[in-house]
Amino acid sequence: MSSIDKYWNDRLIYHIGFVAKIMKMDGAIENKEFHRTFIFPDNLSTNEISDLIFLRLDNIIEITYIEEFVEALELRNDDIIKSLMLSK
């Protein structure tokens, strides 16, 4: 196993637009469009990402776009970070 496979996970970074219901300070409810950056495992489909957004965020009305932005690597294990900090 190479060190990249041993220590890193492949990820994809997405720009995602969605509309959600929000409550304003005066108690009124309005629809607001958000644009956020999300990081997901590289093996998810666009449909799975959409499902996760609806499942894990509140008051989502619509997803307006899912745009793959860039590939990324994520350190696989927090213990590695801890061991690096302890070695300093």
PDB file of N, CA and C in Angstrom:
ATOM      1  N   MET A   1       0.857  -1.176   0.000  1.00  0.00           N
ATOM      2  CA  MET A   1       0.000   0.000   0.000  1.00  0.00           C
ATOM      3  C   MET A   1       0.901   1.237   0.000  1.00  0.00           C
ATOM      4  N   SER A   2       0.639   2.162  -0.890  1.00  0.00           N
ATOM      5  CA  SER A   2       1.435   3.384  -0.948  1.00  0.00           C
ATOM      6  C   SER A   2       1.066   4.296   0.224  1.00  0.00           C
ATOM      7  N   SER A   3       1.940   5.234   0.522  1.00  0.00           N
ATOM      8  CA  SER A   3       1.667   6.138   1.644  1.00  0.00           C
ATOM      9  C   SER A   3       0.442   7.017   1.370  1.00  0.00           C
ATOM     10  N   ILE A   4       0.188   7.319   0.101  1.00  0.00           N
ATOM     11  CA  ILE A   4      -0.994   8.138  -0.202  1.00  0.00           C
ATOM     12  C   ILE A   4      -2.272   7.350   0.112  1.00  0.00           C
ATOM     13  N   ASP A   5      -2.290   6.045  -0.172  1.00  0.00           N
ATOM     14  CA  ASP A   5      -3.459   5.221   0.152  1.00  0.00           C
ATOM     15  C   ASP A   5      -3.559   4.958   1.651  1.00  0.00           C
ATOM     16  N   LYS A   6      -2.416   4.878   2.298  1.00  0.00           N
ATOM     17  CA  LYS A   6      -2.390   4.564   3.726  1.00  0.00           C
ATOM     18  C   LYS A   6      -2.839   5.748   4.583  1.00  0.00           C
ATOM     19  N   TYR A   7      -2.457   6.960   4.183  1.00  0.00           N
ATOM     20  CA  TYR A   7      -2.675   8.114   5.046  1.00  0.00           C
ATOM     21  C   TYR A   7      -3.707   9.124   4.556  1.00  0.00           C
ATOM     22  N   TRP A   8      -4.192   8.971   3.318  1.00  0.00           N
ATOM     23  CA  TRP A   8      -5.070   9.998   2.743  1.00  0.00           C
ATOM     24  C   TRP A   8      -6.335   9.404   2.138  1.00  0.00           C
ATOM     25  N   ASN A   9      -7.443  10.128   2.247  1.00  0.00           N
ATOM     26  CA  ASN A   9      -8.710   9.783   1.599  1.00  0.00           C
ATOM     27  C   ASN A   9      -8.956  10.750   0.447  1.00  0.00           C
ATOM     28  N   ASP A  10      -9.462  10.229  -0.655  1.00  0.00           N
ATOM     29  CA  ASP A  10      -9.839  11.078  -1.784  1.00  0.00           C
ATOM     30  C   ASP A  10     -11.172  11.763  -1.476  1.00  0.00           C
ATOM     31  N   ARG A  11     -11.223  13.038  -1.781  1.00  0.00           N
ATOM     32  CA  ARG A  11     -12.434  13.827  -1.582  1.00  0.00           C
ATOM     33  C   ARG A  11     -12.659  14.692  -2.811  1.00  0.00           C
ATOM     34  N   LEU A  12     -13.892  15.162  -2.957  1.00  0.00           N
ATOM     35  CA  LEU A  12     -14.230  16.155  -3.978  1.00  0.00           C
ATOM     36  C   LEU A  12     -14.868  17.341  -3.278  1.00  0.00           C
ATOM     37  N   ILE A  13     -14.505  18.522  -3.720  1.00  0.00           N
ATOM     38  CA  ILE A  13     -15.066  19.744  -3.163  1.00  0.00           C
ATOM     39  C   ILE A  13     -16.073  20.296  -4.170  1.00  0.00           C
ATOM     40  N   TYR A  14     -17.244  20.631  -3.664  1.00  0.00           N
ATOM     41  CA  TYR A  14     -18.343  21.095  -4.502  1.00  0.00           C
ATOM     42  C   TYR A  14     -18.803  22.476  -4.054  1.00  0.00           C
ATOM     43  N   HIS A  15     -19.228  23.287  -5.017  1.00  0.00           N
ATOM     44  CA  HIS A  15     -19.999  24.497  -4.737  1.00  0.00           C
ATOM     45  C   HIS A  15     -21.449  24.092  -4.940  1.00  0.00           C
ATOM     46  N   ILE A  16     -22.276  24.371  -3.942  1.00  0.00           N
ATOM     47  CA  ILE A  16     -23.678  23.955  -4.000  1.00  0.00           C
ATOM     48  C   ILE A  16     -24.561  25.153  -3.655  1.00  0.00           C
ATOM     49  N   GLY A  17     -25.573  25.362  -4.479  1.00  0.00           N
ATOM     50  CA  GLY A  17     -26.562  26.401  -4.214  1.00  0.00           C
ATOM     51  C   GLY A  17     -27.866  25.747  -3.794  1.00  0.00           C
ATOM     52  N   PHE A  18     -28.516  26.333  -2.797  1.00  0.00           N
ATOM     53  CA  PHE A  18     -29.794  25.791  -2.348  1.00  0.00           C
ATOM     54  C   PHE A  18     -30.650  26.904  -1.769  1.00  0.00           C
ATOM     55  N   VAL A  19     -31.942  26.654  -1.759  1.00  0.00           N
ATOM     56  CA  VAL A  19     -32.914  27.589  -1.192  1.00  0.00           C
ATOM     57  C   VAL A  19     -33.480  26.949   0.065  1.00  0.00           C
ATOM     58  N   ALA A  20     -33.540  27.757   1.131  1.00  0.00           N
ATOM     59  CA  ALA A  20     -34.069  27.264   2.406  1.00  0.00           C
ATOM     60  C   ALA A  20     -35.012  28.298   3.004  1.00  0.00           C
ATOM     61  N   LYS A  21     -35.934  27.810   3.810  1.00  0.00           N
ATOM     62  CA  LYS A  21     -36.816  28.717   4.559  1.00  0.00           C
ATOM     63  C   LYS A  21     -36.065  29.163   5.799  1.00  0.00           C
ATOM     64  N   ILE A  22     -36.059  30.478   6.036  1.00  0.00           N
ATOM     65  CA  ILE A  22     -35.427  31.002   7.243  1.00  0.00           C
ATOM     66  C   ILE A  22     -36.403  31.913   7.971  1.00  0.00           C
ATOM     67  N   MET A  23     -36.207  32.016   9.288  1.00  0.00           N
ATOM     68  CA  MET A  23     -37.040  32.911  10.072  1.00  0.00           C
ATOM     69  C   MET A  23     -36.251  34.190  10.342  1.00  0.00           C
ATOM     70  N   LYS A  24     -36.846  35.305   9.993  1.00  0.00           N
ATOM     71  CA  LYS A  24     -36.212  36.599  10.218  1.00  0.00           C
ATOM     72  C   LYS A  24     -36.409  37.014  11.681  1.00  0.00           C
ATOM     73  N   MET A  25     -35.712  38.058  12.087  1.00  0.00           N
ATOM     74  CA  MET A  25     -35.776  38.540  13.472  1.00  0.00           C
ATOM     75  C   MET A  25     -37.200  38.931  13.880  1.00  0.00           C
ATOM     76  N   ASP A  26     -37.997  39.397  12.922  1.00  0.00           N
ATOM     77  CA  ASP A  26     -39.372  39.797  13.237  1.00  0.00           C
ATOM     78  C   ASP A  26     -40.355  38.625  13.220  1.00  0.00           C
ATOM     79  N   GLY A  27     -39.830  37.414  13.016  1.00  0.00           N
ATOM     80  CA  GLY A  27     -40.676  36.221  13.014  1.00  0.00           C
ATOM     81  C   GLY A  27     -41.204  35.824  11.653  1.00  0.00           C
ATOM     82  N   ALA A  28     -41.006  36.687  10.660  1.00  0.00           N
ATOM     83  CA  ALA A  28     -41.461  36.369   9.307  1.00  0.00           C
ATOM     84  C   ALA A  28     -40.577  35.266   8.722  1.00  0.00           C
ATOM     85  N   ILE A  29     -41.199  34.436   7.913  1.00  0.00           N
ATOM     86  CA  ILE A  29     -40.461  33.354   7.257  1.00  0.00           C
ATOM     87  C   ILE A  29     -40.301  33.709   5.790  1.00  0.00           C
ATOM     88  N   GLU A  30     -39.076  33.555   5.303  1.00  0.00           N
ATOM     89  CA  GLU A  30     -38.823  33.842   3.896  1.00  0.00           C
ATOM     90  C   GLU A  30     -37.907  32.785   3.313  1.00  0.00           C
ATOM     91  N   ASN A  31     -37.914  32.685   1.993  1.00  0.00           N
ATOM     92  CA  ASN A  31     -36.997  31.799   1.286  1.00  0.00           C
ATOM     93  C   ASN A  31     -35.721  32.566   0.982  1.00  0.00           C
ATOM     94  N   LYS A  32     -34.585  31.934   1.249  1.00  0.00           N
ATOM     95  CA  LYS A  32     -33.302  32.582   0.996  1.00  0.00           C
ATOM     96  C   LYS A  32     -32.394  31.607   0.258  1.00  0.00           C
ATOM     97  N   GLU A  33     -31.676  32.125  -0.740  1.00  0.00           N
ATOM     98  CA  GLU A  33     -30.735  31.276  -1.478  1.00  0.00           C
ATOM     99  C   GLU A  33     -29.359  31.368  -0.833  1.00  0.00           C
ATOM    100  N   PHE A  34     -28.742  30.198  -0.660  1.00  0.00           N
ATOM    101  CA  PHE A  34     -27.408  30.092  -0.085  1.00  0.00           C
ATOM    102  C   PHE A  34     -26.471  29.475  -1.119  1.00  0.00           C
ATOM    103  N   HIS A  35     -25.200  29.832  -1.033  1.00  0.00           N
ATOM    104  CA  HIS A  35     -24.151  29.253  -1.870  1.00  0.00           C
ATOM    105  C   HIS A  35     -23.043  28.836  -0.917  1.00  0.00           C
ATOM    106  N   ARG A  36     -22.767  27.543  -0.839  1.00  0.00           N
ATOM    107  CA  ARG A  36     -21.792  27.036   0.124  1.00  0.00           C
ATOM    108  C   ARG A  36     -20.846  26.041  -0.545  1.00  0.00           C
ATOM    109  N   THR A  37     -19.730  25.823   0.132  1.00  0.00           N
ATOM    110  CA  THR A  37     -18.744  24.842  -0.306  1.00  0.00           C
ATOM    111  C   THR A  37     -18.856  23.620   0.602  1.00  0.00           C
ATOM    112  N   PHE A  38     -18.937  22.450  -0.012  1.00  0.00           N
ATOM    113  CA  PHE A  38     -19.058  21.193   0.720  1.00  0.00           C
ATOM    114  C   PHE A  38     -17.961  20.236   0.269  1.00  0.00           C
ATOM    115  N   ILE A  39     -17.549  19.363   1.176  1.00  0.00           N
ATOM    116  CA  ILE A  39     -16.567  18.328   0.867  1.00  0.00           C
ATOM    117  C   ILE A  39     -17.237  16.972   1.071  1.00  0.00           C
ATOM    118  N   PHE A  40     -17.159  16.119   0.034  1.00  0.00           N
ATOM    119  CA  PHE A  40     -17.759  14.792   0.091  1.00  0.00           C
ATOM    120  C   PHE A  40     -16.751  13.746  -0.380  1.00  0.00           C
ATOM    121  N   PRO A  41     -16.958  12.486   0.040  1.00  0.00           N
ATOM    122  CA  PRO A  41     -16.139  11.406  -0.521  1.00  0.00           C
ATOM    123  C   PRO A  41     -16.279  11.384  -2.040  1.00  0.00           C
ATOM    124  N   ASP A  42     -15.242  10.938  -2.719  1.00  0.00           N
ATOM    125  CA  ASP A  42     -15.241  11.002  -4.189  1.00  0.00           C
ATOM    126  C   ASP A  42     -16.118   9.945  -4.854  1.00  0.00           C
ATOM    127  N   ASN A  43     -16.711   9.053  -4.077  1.00  0.00           N
ATOM    128  CA  ASN A  43     -17.511   7.982  -4.676  1.00  0.00           C
ATOM    129  C   ASN A  43     -19.019   8.245  -4.640  1.00  0.00           C
ATOM    130  N   LEU A  44     -19.426   9.463  -4.284  1.00  0.00           N
ATOM    131  CA  LEU A  44     -20.860   9.775  -4.245  1.00  0.00           C
ATOM    132  C   LEU A  44     -21.332  10.360  -5.569  1.00  0.00           C
ATOM    133  N   SER A  45     -22.536   9.985  -5.956  1.00  0.00           N
ATOM    134  CA  SER A  45     -23.138  10.564  -7.154  1.00  0.00           C
ATOM    135  C   SER A  45     -23.792  11.900  -6.802  1.00  0.00           C
ATOM    136  N   THR A  46     -24.141  12.665  -7.822  1.00  0.00           N
ATOM    137  CA  THR A  46     -24.832  13.927  -7.612  1.00  0.00           C
ATOM    138  C   THR A  46     -26.164  13.707  -6.910  1.00  0.00           C
ATOM    139  N   ASN A  47     -26.859  12.637  -7.262  1.00  0.00           N
ATOM    140  CA  ASN A  47     -28.135  12.330  -6.597  1.00  0.00           C
ATOM    141  C   ASN A  47     -27.934  12.024  -5.115  1.00  0.00           C
ATOM    142  N   GLU A  48     -26.871  11.300  -4.782  1.00  0.00           N
ATOM    143  CA  GLU A  48     -26.594  10.989  -3.383  1.00  0.00           C
ATOM    144  C   GLU A  48     -26.236  12.256  -2.600  1.00  0.00           C
ATOM    145  N   ILE A  49     -25.483  13.145  -3.229  1.00  0.00           N
ATOM    146  CA  ILE A  49     -25.140  14.415  -2.585  1.00  0.00           C
ATOM    147  C   ILE A  49     -26.408  15.232  -2.340  1.00  0.00           C
ATOM    148  N   SER A  50     -27.272  15.297  -3.330  1.00  0.00           N
ATOM    149  CA  SER A  50     -28.539  16.002  -3.185  1.00  0.00           C
ATOM    150  C   SER A  50     -29.350  15.417  -2.023  1.00  0.00           C
ATOM    151  N   ASP A  51     -29.437  14.099  -1.970  1.00  0.00           N
ATOM    152  CA  ASP A  51     -30.170  13.438  -0.881  1.00  0.00           C
ATOM    153  C   ASP A  51     -29.579  13.797   0.480  1.00  0.00           C
ATOM    154  N   LEU A  52     -28.256  13.826   0.576  1.00  0.00           N
ATOM    155  CA  LEU A  52     -27.599  14.166   1.844  1.00  0.00           C
ATOM    156  C   LEU A  52     -27.878  15.610   2.266  1.00  0.00           C
ATOM    157  N   ILE A  53     -27.889  16.510   1.299  1.00  0.00           N
ATOM    158  CA  ILE A  53     -28.182  17.916   1.611  1.00  0.00           C
ATOM    159  C   ILE A  53     -29.594  18.034   2.194  1.00  0.00           C
ATOM    160  N   PHE A  54     -30.564  17.383   1.547  1.00  0.00           N
ATOM    161  CA  PHE A  54     -31.938  17.424   2.056  1.00  0.00           C
ATOM    162  C   PHE A  54     -32.051  16.742   3.414  1.00  0.00           C
ATOM    163  N   LEU A  55     -31.298  15.687   3.630  1.00  0.00           N
ATOM    164  CA  LEU A  55     -31.373  14.921   4.873  1.00  0.00           C
ATOM    165  C   LEU A  55     -30.689  15.632   6.036  1.00  0.00           C
ATOM    166  N   ARG A  56     -29.554  16.269   5.780  1.00  0.00           N
ATOM    167  CA  ARG A  56     -28.711  16.787   6.861  1.00  0.00           C
ATOM    168  C   ARG A  56     -28.794  18.292   7.091  1.00  0.00           C
ATOM    169  N   LEU A  57     -29.525  19.020   6.256  1.00  0.00           N
ATOM    170  CA  LEU A  57     -29.761  20.445   6.483  1.00  0.00           C
ATOM    171  C   LEU A  57     -31.261  20.665   6.665  1.00  0.00           C
ATOM    172  N   ASP A  58     -31.597  21.592   7.525  1.00  0.00           N
ATOM    173  CA  ASP A  58     -33.006  21.863   7.812  1.00  0.00           C
ATOM    174  C   ASP A  58     -33.610  22.837   6.807  1.00  0.00           C
ATOM    175  N   ASN A  59     -34.895  22.653   6.568  1.00  0.00           N
ATOM    176  CA  ASN A  59     -35.724  23.610   5.826  1.00  0.00           C
ATOM    177  C   ASN A  59     -35.297  23.838   4.379  1.00  0.00           C
ATOM    178  N   ILE A  60     -34.674  22.862   3.772  1.00  0.00           N
ATOM    179  CA  ILE A  60     -34.261  22.981   2.376  1.00  0.00           C
ATOM    180  C   ILE A  60     -35.494  22.834   1.484  1.00  0.00           C
ATOM    181  N   ILE A  61     -35.640  23.763   0.561  1.00  0.00           N
ATOM    182  CA  ILE A  61     -36.746  23.724  -0.394  1.00  0.00           C
ATOM    183  C   ILE A  61     -36.273  23.175  -1.728  1.00  0.00           C
ATOM    184  N   GLU A  62     -35.105  23.625  -2.152  1.00  0.00           N
ATOM    185  CA  GLU A  62     -34.627  23.290  -3.496  1.00  0.00           C
ATOM    186  C   GLU A  62     -33.106  23.399  -3.539  1.00  0.00           C
ATOM    187  N   ILE A  63     -32.490  22.511  -4.291  1.00  0.00           N
ATOM    188  CA  ILE A  63     -31.073  22.640  -4.606  1.00  0.00           C
ATOM    189  C   ILE A  63     -30.996  23.223  -6.005  1.00  0.00           C
ATOM    190  N   THR A  64     -30.314  24.358  -6.137  1.00  0.00           N
ATOM    191  CA  THR A  64     -30.291  25.057  -7.421  1.00  0.00           C
ATOM    192  C   THR A  64     -29.136  24.599  -8.309  1.00  0.00           C
ATOM    193  N   TYR A  65     -28.036  24.167  -7.711  1.00  0.00           N
ATOM    194  CA  TYR A  65     -26.934  23.618  -8.507  1.00  0.00           C
ATOM    195  C   TYR A  65     -25.975  22.844  -7.610  1.00  0.00           C
ATOM    196  N   ILE A  66     -25.304  21.874  -8.200  1.00  0.00           N
ATOM    197  CA  ILE A  66     -24.203  21.150  -7.572  1.00  0.00           C
ATOM    198  C   ILE A  66     -23.075  21.155  -8.589  1.00  0.00           C
ATOM    199  N   GLU A  67     -22.009  21.856  -8.258  1.00  0.00           N
ATOM    200  CA  GLU A  67     -20.897  22.024  -9.184  1.00  0.00           C
ATOM    201  C   GLU A  67     -19.618  21.446  -8.573  1.00  0.00           C
ATOM    202  N   GLU A  68     -19.062  20.437  -9.228  1.00  0.00           N
ATOM    203  CA  GLU A  68     -17.790  19.890  -8.753  1.00  0.00           C
ATOM    204  C   GLU A  68     -16.708  20.938  -8.962  1.00  0.00           C
ATOM    205  N   PHE A  69     -15.965  21.229  -7.904  1.00  0.00           N
ATOM    206  CA  PHE A  69     -14.971  22.292  -7.950  1.00  0.00           C
ATOM    207  C   PHE A  69     -13.554  21.750  -8.124  1.00  0.00           C
ATOM    208  N   VAL A  70     -13.121  20.888  -7.222  1.00  0.00           N
ATOM    209  CA  VAL A  70     -11.728  20.428  -7.264  1.00  0.00           C
ATOM    210  C   VAL A  70     -11.589  19.118  -6.480  1.00  0.00           C
ATOM    211  N   GLU A  71     -10.596  18.331  -6.857  1.00  0.00           N
ATOM    212  CA  GLU A  71     -10.252  17.131  -6.099  1.00  0.00           C
ATOM    213  C   GLU A  71      -9.418  17.536  -4.893  1.00  0.00           C
ATOM    214  N   ALA A  72      -9.509  16.739  -3.817  1.00  0.00           N
ATOM    215  CA  ALA A  72      -8.760  17.051  -2.609  1.00  0.00           C
ATOM    216  C   ALA A  72      -8.333  15.767  -1.917  1.00  0.00           C
ATOM    217  N   LEU A  73      -7.391  15.907  -1.002  1.00  0.00           N
ATOM    218  CA  LEU A  73      -6.967  14.801  -0.150  1.00  0.00           C
ATOM    219  C   LEU A  73      -7.254  15.174   1.294  1.00  0.00           C
ATOM    220  N   GLU A  74      -7.752  14.201   2.049  1.00  0.00           N
ATOM    221  CA  GLU A  74      -8.033  14.401   3.461  1.00  0.00           C
ATOM    222  C   GLU A  74      -7.183  13.427   4.254  1.00  0.00           C
ATOM    223  N   LEU A  75      -6.506  13.931   5.284  1.00  0.00           N
ATOM    224  CA  LEU A  75      -5.722  13.067   6.132  1.00  0.00           C
ATOM    225  C   LEU A  75      -6.628  12.021   6.746  1.00  0.00           C
ATOM    226  N   ARG A  76      -6.233  10.776   6.662  1.00  0.00           N
ATOM    227  CA  ARG A  76      -7.084   9.648   7.001  1.00  0.00           C
ATOM    228  C   ARG A  76      -7.353   9.508   8.500  1.00  0.00           C
ATOM    229  N   ASN A  77      -6.397   9.837   9.341  1.00  0.00           N
ATOM    230  CA  ASN A  77      -6.542   9.474  10.742  1.00  0.00           C
ATOM    231  C   ASN A  77      -6.065  10.614  11.640  1.00  0.00           C
ATOM    232  N   ASP A  78      -6.915  11.008  12.594  1.00  0.00           N
ATOM    233  CA  ASP A  78      -6.542  12.066  13.530  1.00  0.00           C
ATOM    234  C   ASP A  78      -5.349  11.681  14.395  1.00  0.00           C
ATOM    235  N   ASP A  79      -5.146  10.376  14.607  1.00  0.00           N
ATOM    236  CA  ASP A  79      -4.010   9.938  15.416  1.00  0.00           C
ATOM    237  C   ASP A  79      -2.690  10.358  14.791  1.00  0.00           C
ATOM    238  N   ILE A  80      -2.651  10.432  13.466  1.00  0.00           N
ATOM    239  CA  ILE A  80      -1.426  10.849  12.780  1.00  0.00           C
ATOM    240  C   ILE A  80      -1.127  12.307  13.112  1.00  0.00           C
ATOM    241  N   ILE A  81      -2.156  13.139  13.111  1.00  0.00           N
ATOM    242  CA  ILE A  81      -1.973  14.547  13.444  1.00  0.00           C
ATOM    243  C   ILE A  81      -1.481  14.675  14.888  1.00  0.00           C
ATOM    244  N   LYS A  82      -2.108  13.919  15.793  1.00  0.00           N
ATOM    245  CA  LYS A  82      -1.699  13.967  17.198  1.00  0.00           C
ATOM    246  C   LYS A  82      -0.249  13.537  17.360  1.00  0.00           C
ATOM    247  N   SER A  83       0.149  12.480  16.660  1.00  0.00           N
ATOM    248  CA  SER A  83       1.527  12.013  16.793  1.00  0.00           C
ATOM    249  C   SER A  83       2.520  13.036  16.237  1.00  0.00           C
ATOM    250  N   LEU A  84       2.159  13.740  15.187  1.00  0.00           N
ATOM    251  CA  LEU A  84       3.012  14.788  14.645  1.00  0.00           C
ATOM    252  C   LEU A  84       3.166  15.931  15.641  1.00  0.00           C
ATOM    253  N   MET A  85       2.084  16.290  16.297  1.00  0.00           N
ATOM    254  CA  MET A  85       2.145  17.389  17.264  1.00  0.00           C
ATOM    255  C   MET A  85       2.959  16.987  18.475  1.00  0.00           C
ATOM    256  N   LEU A  86       2.887  15.730  18.889  1.00  0.00           N
ATOM    257  CA  LEU A  86       3.637  15.266  20.045  1.00  0.00           C
ATOM    258  C   LEU A  86       5.131  15.180  19.758  1.00  0.00           C
ATOM    259  N   SER A  87       5.489  14.966  18.500  1.00  0.00           N
ATOM    260  CA  SER A  87       6.898  14.810  18.144  1.00  0.00           C
ATOM    261  C   SER A  87       7.646  16.134  18.078  1.00  0.00           C
ATOM    262  N   LYS A  88       6.924  17.251  18.157  1.00  0.00           N
ATOM    263  CA  LYS A  88       7.578  18.581  18.076  1.00  0.00           C
ATOM    264  C   LYS A  88       8.121  18.994  19.412  1.00  0.00           C
TER     265      LYS A  88
END
